[in-house]
C-alpha atoms as a PDB file:
ATOM      1  CA  MET A   1     165.217  85.961   6.315  1.00  0.00           C
ATOM      2  CA  ASN A   2     166.923  89.201   7.225  1.00  0.00           C
ATOM      3  CA  ASN A   3     165.369  91.918   9.379  1.00  0.00           C
ATOM      4  CA  PHE A   4     164.633  94.194   6.425  1.00  0.00           C
ATOM      5  CA  PHE A   5     162.361  91.633   4.742  1.00  0.00           C
ATOM      6  CA  LEU A   6     160.653  90.752   8.049  1.00  0.00           C
ATOM      7  CA  ALA A   7     159.910  94.426   8.710  1.00  0.00           C
ATOM      8  CA  LEU A   8     158.575  94.882   5.176  1.00  0.00           C
ATOM      9  CA  LEU A   9     156.370  91.774   5.495  1.00  0.00           C
ATOM     10  CA  PHE A  10     155.052  92.950   8.892  1.00  0.00           C
ATOM     11  CA  ARG A  11     154.347  96.479   7.606  1.00  0.00           C
ATOM     12  CA  THR A  12     152.568  95.109   4.504  1.00  0.00           C
ATOM     13  CA  SER A  13     150.428  92.791   6.657  1.00  0.00           C
ATOM     14  CA  VAL A  14     149.463  95.598   9.040  1.00  0.00           C
ATOM     15  CA  CYS A  15     148.573  97.923   6.157  1.00  0.00           C
ATOM     16  CA  THR A  16     146.502  95.221   4.467  1.00  0.00           C
ATOM     17  CA  LEU A  17     144.674  94.527   7.733  1.00  0.00           C
ATOM     18  CA  ALA A  18     144.078  98.230   8.363  1.00  0.00           C
ATOM     19  CA  LEU A  19     142.605  98.676   4.881  1.00  0.00           C
ATOM     20  CA  ALA A  20     140.351  95.636   5.269  1.00  0.00           C
ATOM     21  CA  LEU A  21     138.968  96.500   8.720  1.00  0.00           C
ATOM     22  CA  PRO A  22     136.496  99.214   7.695  1.00  0.00           C
ATOM     23  CA  PHE A  23     134.907  96.811   5.230  1.00  0.00           C
ATOM     24  CA  THR A  24     134.839  93.694   7.399  1.00  0.00           C
ATOM     25  CA  LEU A  25     133.729  95.325  10.662  1.00  0.00           C
ATOM     26  CA  ARG A  26     131.150  97.652   9.151  1.00  0.00           C
ATOM     27  CA  ALA A  27     127.658  96.293   9.804  1.00  0.00           C
ATOM     28  CA  ALA A  28     125.052  96.428   7.080  1.00  0.00           C
ATOM     29  CA  GLU A  29     122.829  99.490   7.092  1.00  0.00           C
ATOM     30  CA  PRO A  30     119.478  98.817   8.765  1.00  0.00           C
ATOM     31  CA  VAL A  31     116.496  98.047   6.540  1.00  0.00           C
ATOM     32  CA  VAL A  32     113.628 100.523   6.952  1.00  0.00           C
ATOM     33  CA  ILE A  33     110.126  99.077   7.423  1.00  0.00           C
ATOM     34  CA  GLU A  34     107.400 101.722   6.982  1.00  0.00           C
ATOM     35  CA  LEU A  35     104.220 101.312   9.046  1.00  0.00           C
ATOM     36  CA  THR A  36     101.277 103.706   8.947  1.00  0.00           C
ATOM     37  CA  GLN A  37      98.859 103.971  11.846  1.00  0.00           C
ATOM     38  CA  THR A  38      95.349 105.178  11.438  1.00  0.00           C
ATOM     39  CA  GLY A  39      92.385 104.575  13.744  1.00  0.00           C
ATOM     40  CA  CYS A  40      92.802 101.177  15.461  1.00  0.00           C
ATOM     41  CA  GLN A  41      95.114  99.624  12.870  1.00  0.00           C
ATOM     42  CA  PHE A  42      98.374  99.506  10.929  1.00  0.00           C
ATOM     43  CA  ILE A  43      97.424  99.818   7.258  1.00  0.00           C
ATOM     44  CA  GLU A  44     100.333  97.801   5.781  1.00  0.00           C
ATOM     45  CA  SER A  45      99.705  94.949   8.209  1.00  0.00           C
ATOM     46  CA  GLU A  46      96.157  94.607   6.933  1.00  0.00           C
ATOM     47  CA  ASN A  47      97.211  94.234   3.293  1.00  0.00           C
ATOM     48  CA  GLY A  48      96.955  97.957   2.584  1.00  0.00           C
ATOM     49  CA  VAL A  49      93.283  98.143   3.602  1.00  0.00           C
ATOM     50  CA  ASP A  50      92.279 101.245   5.537  1.00  0.00           C
ATOM     51  CA  HIS A  51      89.083 100.331   7.368  1.00  0.00           C
ATOM     52  CA  GLY A  52      88.273 104.000   7.944  1.00  0.00           C
ATOM     53  CA  TYR A  53      87.675 103.661  11.674  1.00  0.00           C
ATOM     54  CA  ILE A  54      86.933 106.967  13.375  1.00  0.00           C
ATOM     55  CA  THR A  55      88.497 107.216  16.811  1.00  0.00           C
ATOM     56  CA  HIS A  56      88.748 110.028  19.341  1.00  0.00           C
ATOM     57  CA  ALA A  57      90.137 107.983  22.237  1.00  0.00           C
ATOM     58  CA  LYS A  58      91.678 104.600  23.039  1.00  0.00           C
ATOM     59  CA  ALA A  59      88.272 103.372  24.254  1.00  0.00           C
ATOM     60  CA  ASP A  60      86.922 103.690  20.679  1.00  0.00           C
ATOM     61  CA  CYS A  61      89.581 101.238  19.450  1.00  0.00           C
ATOM     62  CA  ASP A  62      88.952  98.894  22.390  1.00  0.00           C
ATOM     63  CA  ARG A  63      85.321  98.638  21.259  1.00  0.00           C
ATOM     64  CA  ILE A  64      86.091  98.411  17.511  1.00  0.00           C
ATOM     65  CA  ASN A  65      88.754  95.730  17.962  1.00  0.00           C
ATOM     66  CA  ALA A  66      86.568  93.699  20.317  1.00  0.00           C
ATOM     67  CA  GLU A  67      84.116  93.446  17.409  1.00  0.00           C
ATOM     68  CA  THR A  68      86.511  93.105  14.441  1.00  0.00           C
ATOM     69  CA  ALA A  69      90.069  92.102  15.440  1.00  0.00           C
ATOM     70  CA  VAL A  70      89.687  88.308  15.146  1.00  0.00           C
ATOM     71  CA  GLU A  71      88.387  88.488  11.574  1.00  0.00           C
ATOM     72  CA  ARG A  72      90.924  91.151  10.576  1.00  0.00           C
ATOM     73  CA  LEU A  73      93.867  89.213  12.024  1.00  0.00           C
ATOM     74  CA  ALA A  74      92.805  86.085  10.148  1.00  0.00           C
ATOM     75  CA  GLN A  75      93.362  88.038   6.916  1.00  0.00           C
ATOM     76  CA  ALA A  76      96.339  90.140   8.060  1.00  0.00           C
ATOM     77  CA  ARG A  77      99.749  89.394   6.627  1.00  0.00           C
ATOM     78  CA  THR A  78     102.572  88.081   8.754  1.00  0.00           C
ATOM     79  CA  LEU A  79     105.669  90.181   8.220  1.00  0.00           C
ATOM     80  CA  GLU A  80     108.530  87.797   7.330  1.00  0.00           C
ATOM     81  CA  LEU A  81     112.093  89.074   7.773  1.00  0.00           C
ATOM     82  CA  GLU A  82     115.626  87.731   7.985  1.00  0.00           C
ATOM     83  CA  PRO A  83     117.752  88.318  11.090  1.00  0.00           C
ATOM     84  CA  GLY A  84     119.436  91.708  11.046  1.00  0.00           C
ATOM     85  CA  ARG A  85     119.177  95.409  11.772  1.00  0.00           C
ATOM     86  CA  TYR A  86     115.898  97.178  11.099  1.00  0.00           C
ATOM     87  CA  ILE A  87     114.315 100.559  11.585  1.00  0.00           C
ATOM     88  CA  PHE A  88     110.561 100.493  12.012  1.00  0.00           C
ATOM     89  CA  ARG A  89     109.445 103.920  10.815  1.00  0.00           C
ATOM     90  CA  VAL A  90     105.985 104.408  12.287  1.00  0.00           C
ATOM     91  CA  HIS A  91     103.687 107.186  11.062  1.00  0.00           C
ATOM     92  CA  ASN A  92     100.622 108.561  12.851  1.00  0.00           C
ATOM     93  CA  ARG A  93      98.624 109.516   9.788  1.00  0.00           C
ATOM     94  CA  ASP A  94      95.445 110.903  11.327  1.00  0.00           C
ATOM     95  CA  VAL A  95      94.840 109.704  14.895  1.00  0.00           C
ATOM     96  CA  PRO A  96      94.110 112.785  17.064  1.00  0.00           C
ATOM     97  CA  TYR A  97      95.920 111.498  20.167  1.00  0.00           C
ATOM     98  CA  GLU A  98      99.451 110.254  20.897  1.00  0.00           C
ATOM     99  CA  LEU A  99     100.418 106.832  19.598  1.00  0.00           C
ATOM    100  CA  GLY A 100     103.349 104.501  20.034  1.00  0.00           C
ATOM    101  CA  PHE A 101     104.830 101.212  18.896  1.00  0.00           C
ATOM    102  CA  TRP A 102     105.655  97.976  20.718  1.00  0.00           C
ATOM    103  CA  LEU A 103     107.593  95.086  19.142  1.00  0.00           C
ATOM    104  CA  ARG A 104     108.265  92.069  21.373  1.00  0.00           C
ATOM    105  CA  GLY A 105     108.596  88.285  21.435  1.00  0.00           C
ATOM    106  CA  ALA A 106     105.293  86.489  20.785  1.00  0.00           C
ATOM    107  CA  GLY A 107     105.152  84.411  23.973  1.00  0.00           C
ATOM    108  CA  LEU A 108     106.281  84.984  27.541  1.00  0.00           C
ATOM    109  CA  LEU A 109     109.514  83.063  27.009  1.00  0.00           C
ATOM    110  CA  ASP A 110     110.152  84.811  23.674  1.00  0.00           C
ATOM    111  CA  ARG A 111     109.408  88.157  25.301  1.00  0.00           C
ATOM    112  CA  ALA A 112     112.152  87.442  27.837  1.00  0.00           C
ATOM    113  CA  LEU A 113     114.694  86.072  25.337  1.00  0.00           C
ATOM    114  CA  LEU A 114     114.153  88.056  22.130  1.00  0.00           C
ATOM    115  CA  PRO A 115     114.948  91.732  21.631  1.00  0.00           C
ATOM    116  CA  GLY A 116     112.134  94.252  21.806  1.00  0.00           C
ATOM    117  CA  VAL A 117     111.573  97.940  21.273  1.00  0.00           C
ATOM    118  CA  SER A 118     108.837 100.346  22.309  1.00  0.00           C
ATOM    119  CA  GLY A 119     108.036 103.998  22.666  1.00  0.00           C
ATOM    120  CA  GLY A 120     105.393 106.655  22.331  1.00  0.00           C
ATOM    121  CA  GLY A 121     105.194 110.306  21.471  1.00  0.00           C
ATOM    122  CA  LEU A 122     103.681 109.985  18.002  1.00  0.00           C
ATOM    123  CA  SER A 123     101.288 112.900  17.633  1.00  0.00           C
ATOM    124  CA  MET A 124      99.090 113.246  14.558  1.00  0.00           C
ATOM    125  CA  GLY A 125     101.111 113.791  11.382  1.00  0.00           C
ATOM    126  CA  THR A 126     104.446 112.741  12.882  1.00  0.00           C
ATOM    127  CA  SER A 127     106.757 109.755  12.457  1.00  0.00           C
ATOM    128  CA  ARG A 128     109.269 108.062  14.703  1.00  0.00           C
ATOM    129  CA  ASP A 129     112.011 105.498  14.108  1.00  0.00           C
ATOM    130  CA  TYR A 130     112.421 102.420  16.291  1.00  0.00           C
ATOM    131  CA  GLU A 131     115.727 100.659  15.658  1.00  0.00           C
ATOM    132  CA  ILE A 132     116.271  97.023  16.582  1.00  0.00           C
ATOM    133  CA  GLU A 133     118.450  94.058  15.676  1.00  0.00           C
ATOM    134  CA  LEU A 134     116.079  91.133  15.155  1.00  0.00           C
ATOM    135  CA  GLU A 135     117.042  87.556  15.962  1.00  0.00           C
ATOM    136  CA  PRO A 136     115.251  84.433  14.675  1.00  0.00           C
ATOM    137  CA  GLY A 137     111.903  83.893  16.367  1.00  0.00           C
ATOM    138  CA  GLU A 138     108.233  84.815  16.538  1.00  0.00           C
ATOM    139  CA  TYR A 139     107.299  88.415  17.382  1.00  0.00           C
ATOM    140  CA  LEU A 140     104.196  90.554  17.822  1.00  0.00           C
ATOM    141  CA  TYR A 141     103.859  94.270  17.183  1.00  0.00           C
ATOM    142  CA  SER A 142     101.080  96.674  18.037  1.00  0.00           C
ATOM    143  CA  CYS A 143     100.216 100.063  19.456  1.00  0.00           C
ATOM    144  CA  PRO A 144      98.806  99.797  22.971  1.00  0.00           C
ATOM    145  CA  LEU A 145      97.854 103.509  22.907  1.00  0.00           C
ATOM    146  CA  ASN A 146      95.757 103.093  19.737  1.00  0.00           C
ATOM    147  CA  THR A 147      94.758  99.566  20.713  1.00  0.00           C
ATOM    148  CA  THR A 148      95.633  97.868  17.453  1.00  0.00           C
ATOM    149  CA  PRO A 149      95.504  94.092  17.119  1.00  0.00           C
ATOM    150  CA  ASP A 150      98.722  92.158  17.792  1.00  0.00           C
ATOM    151  CA  TYR A 151     100.190  91.668  14.322  1.00  0.00           C
ATOM    152  CA  ARG A 152     102.656  88.805  13.709  1.00  0.00           C
ATOM    153  CA  LEU A 153     106.278  89.054  12.587  1.00  0.00           C
ATOM    154  CA  THR A 154     108.486  86.037  11.901  1.00  0.00           C
ATOM    155  CA  VAL A 155     112.274  86.202  11.693  1.00  0.00           C
ATOM    156  CA  ALA A 156     114.041  83.234  10.098  1.00  0.00           C
ATOM    157  CA  ASP A 157     117.260  82.591   8.144  1.00  0.00           C
END
């Protein structure tokens, strides 16, 4: 093959590769999971039921959950997701103090090996996004500042 054809073949291959890169390297957009906090609970996690708990401080939720969390968790839904990128968009609907969000592996070993995300600063009427790339495994999520139960999340292919 002469040099002209080799140069043309090389240039065509490079152009084809350059055109394909944006499509093959671009990661999928993250999926948004909406979660609404109200007194002592995440509404979506409890099958859309708002228990109407009135809370003025974390201690109120400590007391309420000591009395009700076991029964509520038995009926709560486990969030089932595939591995991938997610944004957990957490809303503080009506809790009069700052809230947060904590997503972590379910056990001590999972907590060390699986990705996690946490943060606070959710005043009443505000929302915040928590972005994470989830890997297969068992997770828990909650709000330690609002003392919600530990809700379950499973990630599997």
